[in-house]
């Protein structure tokens, strides 16, 4: 049994001294429950506080206020070595003069574990990580992926109650990151361990997590399964951050409110019924005349000669099975996001449409297109979502089904 509970965690940093001292709050009252054997991912843009939160869990930073409980025991005053955790960092931190086996067993040696027991634990971890043939090699003779597996093996031999991963794949190339994601998912299933993973890459979060914690500015924006965040984002920030390419946004006006949804007017003057509730999570009601934001994912747009939207194709990316069309916004307010966006950036410049790989479009073409109203999202001026009347069936998958839900979410987010 390995659980983690965070209760109203606050972290403040003070800079300067005396009258010129100033305090910055980087974690702002975080509450979280991590269940036994869950794989939980903290994700968010750079500077959102995810690594600081991880360091407080590990005991490397002190919480300004709030409680950190592991298996129900308060850990605020317990040192890192006594918390029963193992942390894997972005840098491998391997000793270059030691062999793989010596690196993996070094913490056990410091703890006074006998040579025989160390060898047994190291060999067991090496078998899990497929490192057996490499135990006598030095780190300089290993690839990046192999070095990362050694760093993970060093954590496994300690038999921790919870594994902590702080952006462990950032130094790997794209192909190795994909391979290591698969290996970490396999490792989690094999060890049946509780794991907490920090990343700025929402694709990593979608493909590996049982539960995703989205942070921004030291605040938890939403906690849920990959598919729940993808299909039912709580606000515009989560909607724009989860999913690749990012969600398209457009300002529109409410023309009708009824039990079956909210009717909105599009830039061409036509109207569409979006099947969402007319109240936000905090109870604010939407009325006729309100200005809202329509959100549609690129994979939920489709070429349609009778569609309500029109735009000029400014950039085309052909990926084989799919083609990305970069367009000016339907209301003409912005050009396509030429050059693309990083995973932690959001922009309202232009729209992206994911079309079939064989679509016959060229740069400069004017096209018409529509969208799936069942998959559309509406957000208030404050950025709060009007939740869809129909819950997506995959949002209720159990954690045993997570390999399906994560793969489906990642595929749909990239399709």
Protein backbone atom coordinates (compact mmCIF):
# COMPACT_ATOMS: atom_id res chain seq x y z
CA UNK A 1 0.00 0.00 0.00
CA UNK A 2 1.66 3.24 -1.19
CA UNK A 3 -0.49 6.36 -1.26
CA UNK A 4 0.24 10.08 -1.30
CA UNK A 5 -1.97 12.88 0.02
CA UNK A 6 -1.31 16.59 -0.39
CA UNK A 7 -3.40 18.92 1.76
CA UNK A 8 -3.43 22.64 0.91
CA UNK A 9 0.27 22.71 0.01
CA UNK A 10 1.74 26.21 -0.30
CA UNK A 11 5.30 27.10 -1.28
CA UNK A 12 6.71 30.62 -1.04
CA UNK A 13 10.16 31.91 -1.96
CA UNK A 14 11.54 35.10 -0.40
CA UNK A 15 14.06 37.25 -2.22
CA UNK A 16 15.99 40.20 -0.83
CA UNK A 17 16.13 41.18 2.83
CA UNK A 18 14.83 43.79 5.21
CA UNK A 19 12.51 46.41 3.75
CA UNK A 20 13.29 45.27 0.19
CA UNK A 21 12.32 41.64 0.82
CA UNK A 22 9.57 40.23 -1.40
CA UNK A 23 7.70 36.92 -1.28
CA UNK A 24 6.57 34.95 -4.32
CA UNK A 25 4.02 32.15 -3.97
CA UNK A 26 4.84 29.44 -6.51
CA UNK A 27 2.50 26.70 -5.22
CA UNK A 28 -0.93 27.97 -4.21
CA UNK A 29 -2.90 25.56 -2.05
CA UNK A 30 -2.60 22.24 -3.89
CA UNK A 31 -4.80 19.32 -2.79
CA UNK A 32 -4.24 15.89 -4.34
CA UNK A 33 -4.84 12.19 -3.70
CA UNK A 34 -2.59 9.59 -5.35
CA UNK A 35 -3.87 6.04 -4.93
CA UNK A 36 -1.85 2.87 -4.53
CA UNK A 37 -0.31 1.68 -7.84
CA UNK A 38 -1.44 4.77 -9.77
CA UNK A 39 0.74 6.35 -12.44
CA UNK A 40 0.15 10.08 -11.96
CA UNK A 41 1.66 12.71 -14.25
CA UNK A 42 2.16 16.39 -13.35
CA UNK A 43 2.05 18.39 -16.58
CA UNK A 44 2.09 22.08 -17.37
CA UNK A 45 4.10 24.83 -19.04
CA UNK A 46 7.56 25.84 -17.88
CA UNK A 47 7.44 27.62 -14.52
CA UNK A 48 4.04 26.24 -13.49
CA UNK A 49 5.44 24.70 -10.27
CA UNK A 50 5.36 21.01 -11.17
CA UNK A 51 9.04 20.33 -10.36
CA UNK A 52 8.82 22.38 -7.14
CA UNK A 53 5.83 20.27 -6.09
CA UNK A 54 7.78 17.09 -6.86
CA UNK A 55 10.76 18.32 -4.82
CA UNK A 56 8.50 18.99 -1.83
CA UNK A 57 7.11 15.46 -2.05
CA UNK A 58 10.69 14.13 -2.14
CA UNK A 59 11.72 16.28 0.84
CA UNK A 60 14.23 18.32 -1.17
CA UNK A 61 12.16 21.48 -0.56
CA UNK A 62 10.15 22.38 2.53
CA UNK A 63 6.48 23.27 2.15
CA UNK A 64 5.65 26.72 3.52
CA UNK A 65 2.33 25.34 4.77
CA UNK A 66 0.08 22.33 4.30
CA UNK A 67 0.56 18.61 4.88
CA UNK A 68 2.34 15.91 2.89
CA UNK A 69 1.21 12.39 3.84
CA UNK A 70 2.65 9.10 2.59
CA UNK A 71 0.56 6.07 3.52
CA UNK A 72 -1.30 8.34 5.95
CA UNK A 73 1.84 9.48 7.81
CA UNK A 74 2.75 13.18 7.86
CA UNK A 75 6.14 13.67 6.21
CA UNK A 76 6.78 17.41 6.48
CA UNK A 77 9.47 16.98 9.15
CA UNK A 78 10.88 13.71 7.79
CA UNK A 79 14.11 13.85 5.77
CA UNK A 80 14.35 12.67 2.15
CA UNK A 81 16.19 9.45 3.03
CA UNK A 82 13.50 8.40 5.51
CA UNK A 83 10.48 8.96 3.26
CA UNK A 84 10.87 5.67 1.39
CA UNK A 85 10.91 7.35 -2.02
CA UNK A 86 13.24 7.02 -5.01
CA UNK A 87 13.74 9.83 -7.49
CA UNK A 88 14.93 9.64 -11.10
CA UNK A 89 16.22 12.95 -12.44
CA UNK A 90 16.55 14.45 -15.91
CA UNK A 91 20.33 14.05 -15.63
CA UNK A 92 21.36 10.44 -15.16
CA UNK A 93 23.88 11.32 -12.38
CA UNK A 94 25.87 8.11 -12.91
CA UNK A 95 29.36 7.72 -11.46
CA UNK A 96 31.67 7.42 -14.50
CA UNK A 97 34.30 5.31 -12.70
CA UNK A 98 31.75 2.69 -11.58
CA UNK A 99 30.23 -0.13 -13.61
CA UNK A 100 26.50 -0.35 -14.28
CA UNK A 101 26.11 -2.87 -11.46
CA UNK A 102 28.10 -0.72 -9.04
CA UNK A 103 26.06 2.36 -9.91
CA UNK A 104 22.81 0.49 -9.35
CA UNK A 105 23.91 -0.93 -6.02
CA UNK A 106 25.74 2.11 -4.63
CA UNK A 107 22.89 3.37 -2.43
CA UNK A 108 22.55 -0.13 -0.95
CA UNK A 109 26.27 -0.18 -0.20
CA UNK A 110 25.98 3.14 1.64
CA UNK A 111 23.07 1.68 3.62
CA UNK A 112 25.24 -1.22 4.77
CA UNK A 113 23.51 -3.92 2.74
CA UNK A 114 25.68 -7.03 2.35
CA UNK A 115 27.47 -7.73 -0.92
CA UNK A 116 25.38 -10.85 -1.53
CA UNK A 117 22.07 -9.05 -1.00
CA UNK A 118 23.21 -6.13 -3.16
CA UNK A 119 24.06 -8.51 -6.00
CA UNK A 120 20.68 -10.21 -5.69
CA UNK A 121 18.76 -6.91 -5.84
CA UNK A 122 20.88 -5.52 -8.68
CA UNK A 123 20.48 -8.70 -10.75
CA UNK A 124 16.72 -8.70 -10.19
CA UNK A 125 16.43 -5.06 -11.30
CA UNK A 126 18.73 -5.69 -14.26
CA UNK A 127 16.48 -8.53 -15.41
CA UNK A 128 13.41 -6.28 -15.28
CA UNK A 129 15.22 -3.55 -17.23
CA UNK A 130 17.04 -5.91 -19.62
CA UNK A 131 20.41 -4.66 -18.39
CA UNK A 132 21.95 -8.04 -17.53
CA UNK A 133 24.58 -8.06 -20.32
CA UNK A 134 25.61 -4.49 -19.44
CA UNK A 135 26.30 -4.83 -15.71
CA UNK A 136 30.10 -4.76 -16.14
CA UNK A 137 30.19 -1.80 -18.52
CA UNK A 138 31.01 1.80 -17.60
CA UNK A 139 28.45 4.57 -18.31
CA UNK A 140 30.52 6.00 -21.18
CA UNK A 141 29.95 2.75 -23.11
CA UNK A 142 26.14 3.08 -22.90
CA UNK A 143 23.58 4.80 -25.08
CA UNK A 144 21.32 7.51 -23.68
CA UNK A 145 18.43 5.09 -23.28
CA UNK A 146 20.63 2.55 -21.51
CA UNK A 147 21.93 5.20 -19.11
CA UNK A 148 18.37 6.18 -18.29
CA UNK A 149 17.50 2.55 -17.57
CA UNK A 150 20.48 2.35 -15.20
CA UNK A 151 19.20 5.44 -13.38
CA UNK A 152 15.79 3.78 -13.08
CA UNK A 153 17.45 0.55 -11.91
CA UNK A 154 19.22 2.47 -9.17
CA UNK A 155 15.77 3.50 -7.94
CA UNK A 156 14.27 0.00 -8.24
CA UNK A 157 16.88 -1.70 -6.03
CA UNK A 158 15.81 0.51 -3.14
CA UNK A 159 12.28 -0.95 -3.30
CA UNK A 160 10.69 2.45 -2.67
CA UNK A 161 7.08 3.02 -1.69
CA UNK A 162 6.74 5.61 -4.47
CA UNK A 163 8.82 6.33 -7.58
CA UNK A 164 9.34 9.99 -8.53
CA UNK A 165 10.39 10.91 -12.10
CA UNK A 166 11.42 14.51 -12.85
CA UNK A 167 11.41 14.94 -16.67
CA UNK A 168 13.55 11.80 -17.10
CA UNK A 169 13.26 11.65 -20.90
CA UNK A 170 14.11 15.27 -21.75
CA UNK A 171 17.69 14.49 -22.76
CA UNK A 172 16.73 11.69 -25.17
CA UNK A 173 16.06 12.02 -28.88
CA UNK A 174 12.53 11.55 -30.23
CA UNK A 175 12.86 7.84 -31.06
CA UNK A 176 14.37 7.00 -27.67
CA UNK A 177 11.65 8.97 -25.87
CA UNK A 178 8.99 6.84 -27.54
CA UNK A 179 10.88 3.66 -26.62
CA UNK A 180 11.36 4.75 -23.00
CA UNK A 181 7.69 5.70 -22.66
CA UNK A 182 6.80 2.13 -23.61
CA UNK A 183 9.39 0.72 -21.19
CA UNK A 184 8.17 2.89 -18.30
CA UNK A 185 4.58 1.80 -18.93
CA UNK A 186 5.71 -1.85 -18.94
CA UNK A 187 7.77 -1.28 -15.80
CA UNK A 188 4.79 0.24 -14.01
CA UNK A 189 2.61 -2.74 -14.88
CA UNK A 190 5.30 -5.22 -13.85
CA UNK A 191 6.27 -3.59 -10.55
CA UNK A 192 2.69 -2.60 -9.62
CA UNK A 193 4.21 0.48 -8.02
CA UNK A 194 2.93 3.98 -7.32
CA UNK A 195 4.64 6.40 -9.71
CA UNK A 196 4.59 10.19 -10.00
CA UNK A 197 6.02 11.69 -13.18
CA UNK A 198 6.75 15.34 -14.07
CA UNK A 199 6.82 16.53 -17.68
CA UNK A 200 6.06 19.58 -19.82
CA UNK A 201 5.16 17.25 -22.71
CA UNK A 202 1.43 16.56 -22.84
CA UNK A 203 2.00 13.64 -25.23
CA UNK A 204 4.04 11.88 -22.52
CA UNK A 205 1.24 12.60 -20.06
CA UNK A 206 -1.46 11.27 -22.38
CA UNK A 207 0.38 8.06 -23.24
CA UNK A 208 1.52 7.00 -19.77
CA UNK A 209 -0.80 8.35 -17.09
CA UNK A 210 -3.64 6.79 -15.16
CA UNK A 211 -4.32 10.30 -13.90
CA UNK A 212 -3.05 13.66 -15.15
CA UNK A 213 -2.62 16.73 -12.93
CA UNK A 214 -2.59 19.90 -15.06
CA UNK A 215 -0.86 22.85 -13.38
CA UNK A 216 -0.58 26.51 -14.30
CA UNK A 217 0.88 29.27 -12.15
CA UNK A 218 1.12 27.02 -9.10
CA UNK A 219 -2.58 26.08 -9.28
CA UNK A 220 -4.11 22.71 -10.19
CA UNK A 221 -6.37 23.43 -13.16
CA UNK A 222 -7.79 19.90 -13.49
CA UNK A 223 -7.18 16.32 -12.40
CA UNK A 224 -8.51 13.41 -14.43
CA UNK A 225 -7.83 10.52 -16.79
CA UNK A 226 -6.24 11.31 -20.16
CA UNK A 227 -9.55 10.84 -21.97
CA UNK A 228 -11.48 12.93 -19.45
CA UNK A 229 -9.13 15.88 -19.93
CA UNK A 230 -9.20 15.44 -23.70
CA UNK A 231 -12.99 15.22 -24.04
CA UNK A 232 -14.13 17.22 -20.99
CA UNK A 233 -11.62 19.97 -20.16
CA UNK A 234 -12.64 22.11 -17.21
CA UNK A 235 -11.45 25.35 -18.77
CA UNK A 236 -9.90 26.90 -21.83
CA UNK A 237 -6.33 26.50 -20.56
CA UNK A 238 -6.68 22.72 -20.17
CA UNK A 239 -8.46 22.48 -23.53
CA UNK A 240 -5.63 24.31 -25.26
CA UNK A 241 -2.85 22.47 -23.46
CA UNK A 242 -4.10 18.89 -23.81
CA UNK A 243 -4.15 17.65 -27.39
CA UNK A 244 -1.67 17.99 -30.24
CA UNK A 245 -2.07 20.00 -32.41
CA UNK A 246 -3.73 22.41 -30.01
CA UNK A 247 -7.44 23.22 -29.99
CA UNK A 248 -8.70 25.96 -32.32
CA UNK A 249 -10.53 28.90 -30.70
CA UNK A 250 -13.00 31.45 -32.09
CA UNK A 251 -15.09 34.20 -30.47
CA UNK A 252 -18.84 33.73 -31.11
CA UNK A 253 -22.20 35.01 -29.79
CA UNK A 254 -25.04 33.13 -28.06
CA UNK A 255 -28.37 33.29 -29.92
CA UNK A 256 -30.34 30.68 -28.00
CA UNK A 257 -30.36 28.69 -24.76
CA UNK A 258 -32.42 25.52 -24.29
CA UNK A 259 -32.36 22.15 -22.59
CA UNK A 260 -30.70 20.50 -25.58
CA UNK A 261 -27.82 22.98 -25.66
CA UNK A 262 -26.61 26.46 -26.54
CA UNK A 263 -27.08 27.93 -30.03
CA UNK A 264 -24.31 30.19 -31.32
CA UNK A 265 -23.85 32.46 -34.35
CA UNK A 266 -20.79 31.81 -36.51
CA UNK A 267 -18.85 34.40 -38.56
CA UNK A 268 -20.79 33.58 -41.76
CA UNK A 269 -24.08 34.37 -39.98
CA UNK A 270 -25.22 30.75 -39.70
CA UNK A 271 -26.17 29.18 -36.38
CA UNK A 272 -25.23 25.88 -34.75
CA UNK A 273 -26.59 24.09 -31.67
CA UNK A 274 -23.78 22.93 -29.38
CA UNK A 275 -24.96 20.20 -26.92
CA UNK A 276 -23.62 21.72 -23.69
CA UNK A 277 -25.17 22.79 -20.40
CA UNK A 278 -25.92 26.49 -20.02
CA UNK A 279 -24.23 26.82 -16.61
CA UNK A 280 -20.56 26.81 -15.70
CA UNK A 281 -19.11 24.66 -12.93
CA UNK A 282 -19.36 27.59 -10.50
CA UNK A 283 -23.04 28.19 -11.31
CA UNK A 284 -22.82 31.15 -13.70
CA UNK A 285 -25.55 31.05 -16.37
CA UNK A 286 -25.22 31.79 -20.07
CA UNK A 287 -27.87 33.99 -21.69
CA UNK A 288 -28.69 35.17 -25.21
CA UNK A 289 -26.26 37.84 -26.32
CA UNK A 290 -23.32 36.55 -24.29
CA UNK A 291 -19.94 36.38 -25.96
CA UNK A 292 -18.35 32.94 -25.72
CA UNK A 293 -15.37 31.14 -27.20
CA UNK A 294 -15.91 28.16 -29.49
CA UNK A 295 -13.24 25.47 -29.25
CA UNK A 296 -12.79 22.77 -31.91
CA UNK A 297 -9.90 20.33 -32.13
CA UNK A 298 -8.13 20.07 -35.52
CA UNK A 299 -9.19 16.42 -35.83
CA UNK A 300 -12.86 17.42 -35.42
CA UNK A 301 -12.84 19.79 -38.40
CA UNK A 302 -13.66 18.41 -41.84
CA UNK A 303 -13.53 19.67 -45.42
CA UNK A 304 -17.09 20.52 -46.48
CA UNK A 305 -18.10 22.55 -49.53
CA UNK A 306 -21.24 23.65 -47.63
CA UNK A 307 -19.45 24.24 -44.34
CA UNK A 308 -19.81 27.47 -42.33
CA UNK A 309 -16.09 28.30 -42.32
CA UNK A 310 -13.82 29.43 -45.13
CA UNK A 311 -10.13 30.21 -45.24
CA UNK A 312 -6.99 30.24 -47.30
CA UNK A 313 -4.47 27.42 -46.91
CA UNK A 314 -1.22 29.04 -45.79
CA UNK A 315 0.91 26.04 -44.83
CA UNK A 316 0.60 22.30 -45.52
CA UNK A 317 2.32 19.54 -43.54
CA UNK A 318 2.00 16.08 -45.11
CA UNK A 319 2.71 13.28 -42.65
CA UNK A 320 1.61 10.34 -44.77
CA UNK A 321 -1.57 9.15 -43.09
CA UNK A 322 -2.74 12.66 -42.21
CA UNK A 323 -2.22 16.15 -43.59
CA UNK A 324 -2.23 19.32 -41.47
CA UNK A 325 -3.73 22.37 -43.16
CA UNK A 326 -2.79 25.68 -41.52
CA UNK A 327 -5.48 28.29 -42.16
CA UNK A 328 -6.36 31.87 -41.35
CA UNK A 329 -8.99 32.08 -38.60
CA UNK A 330 -12.60 31.81 -39.82
CA UNK A 331 -13.28 35.44 -38.82
CA UNK A 332 -10.10 36.66 -40.55
CA UNK A 333 -8.55 37.92 -37.30
CA UNK A 334 -5.31 35.92 -37.50
CA UNK A 335 -2.96 34.10 -39.83
CA UNK A 336 -1.95 30.46 -39.55
CA UNK A 337 0.60 29.68 -36.79
CA UNK A 338 3.48 29.32 -39.27
CA UNK A 339 6.42 27.43 -37.78
CA UNK A 340 4.22 25.51 -35.36
CA UNK A 341 3.94 25.78 -31.61
CA UNK A 342 5.74 24.15 -28.74
CA UNK A 343 3.62 21.83 -26.58
CA UNK A 344 3.44 24.39 -23.74
CA UNK A 345 2.42 27.35 -25.94
CA UNK A 346 -1.03 28.55 -26.92
CA UNK A 347 -1.93 30.94 -29.70
CA UNK A 348 -5.12 32.22 -31.27
CA UNK A 349 -3.34 32.90 -34.58
CA UNK A 350 -4.93 30.78 -37.26
CA UNK A 351 -6.59 27.38 -37.25
CA UNK A 352 -5.32 23.89 -38.01
CA UNK A 353 -7.40 21.24 -39.81
CA UNK A 354 -6.33 17.59 -39.79
CA UNK A 355 -7.33 16.07 -43.13
CA UNK A 356 -6.81 12.73 -44.85
CA UNK A 357 -3.26 12.07 -45.96
CA UNK A 358 -4.24 12.12 -49.63
CA UNK A 359 -6.17 15.40 -49.51
CA UNK A 360 -5.68 17.37 -52.74
CA UNK A 361 -5.01 20.86 -51.36
CA UNK A 362 -2.29 23.37 -52.17
CA UNK A 363 -0.92 26.47 -50.48
CA UNK A 364 -3.08 29.41 -51.55
CA UNK A 365 -6.26 27.37 -52.04
CA UNK A 366 -9.46 28.78 -50.56
CA UNK A 367 -11.44 26.03 -48.86
CA UNK A 368 -14.69 25.63 -46.96
CA UNK A 369 -14.95 23.40 -43.94
CA UNK A 370 -17.20 22.50 -41.05
CA UNK A 371 -16.99 20.90 -37.63
CA UNK A 372 -18.54 18.17 -35.53
CA UNK A 373 -20.91 19.98 -33.14
CA UNK A 374 -21.01 16.92 -30.86
CA UNK A 375 -17.26 17.34 -30.29
CA UNK A 376 -17.25 21.14 -30.01
CA UNK A 377 -16.56 23.05 -26.78
CA UNK A 378 -17.80 26.40 -25.44
CA UNK A 379 -15.99 28.60 -22.92
CA UNK A 380 -17.07 31.75 -21.10
CA UNK A 381 -15.12 35.00 -21.22
CA UNK A 382 -13.51 33.87 -17.94
CA UNK A 383 -12.36 30.68 -19.66
CA UNK A 384 -14.69 28.25 -17.86
CA UNK A 385 -16.12 25.37 -19.88
CA UNK A 386 -19.78 24.63 -20.47
CA UNK A 387 -19.69 20.86 -20.09
CA UNK A 388 -21.01 18.62 -22.85
CA UNK A 389 -24.39 17.04 -22.16
CA UNK A 390 -23.07 13.66 -23.29
CA UNK A 391 -20.17 12.16 -21.33
CA UNK A 392 -17.69 10.40 -23.59
CA UNK A 393 -17.79 6.63 -22.83
CA UNK A 394 -14.01 6.25 -22.47
CA UNK A 395 -13.74 8.75 -19.60
CA UNK A 396 -15.01 6.12 -17.13
CA UNK A 397 -12.41 3.44 -17.92
CA UNK A 398 -10.84 1.78 -14.89
CA UNK A 399 -7.07 1.96 -14.34
CA UNK A 400 -6.80 -1.67 -15.56
CA UNK A 401 -8.02 -0.35 -18.92
CA UNK A 402 -5.55 2.52 -18.93
CA UNK A 403 -3.31 1.02 -21.59
CA UNK A 404 -6.31 1.27 -23.91
CA UNK A 405 -7.43 4.73 -22.77
CA UNK A 406 -3.95 6.26 -22.93
CA UNK A 407 -3.22 4.83 -26.36
CA UNK A 408 -6.62 5.93 -27.66
CA UNK A 409 -6.21 9.42 -26.23
CA UNK A 410 -2.75 9.85 -27.66
CA UNK A 411 -3.79 8.53 -31.08
CA UNK A 412 -6.88 10.74 -31.23
CA UNK A 413 -4.93 13.75 -29.95
CA UNK A 414 -2.37 13.31 -32.74
CA UNK A 415 -4.64 11.95 -35.50
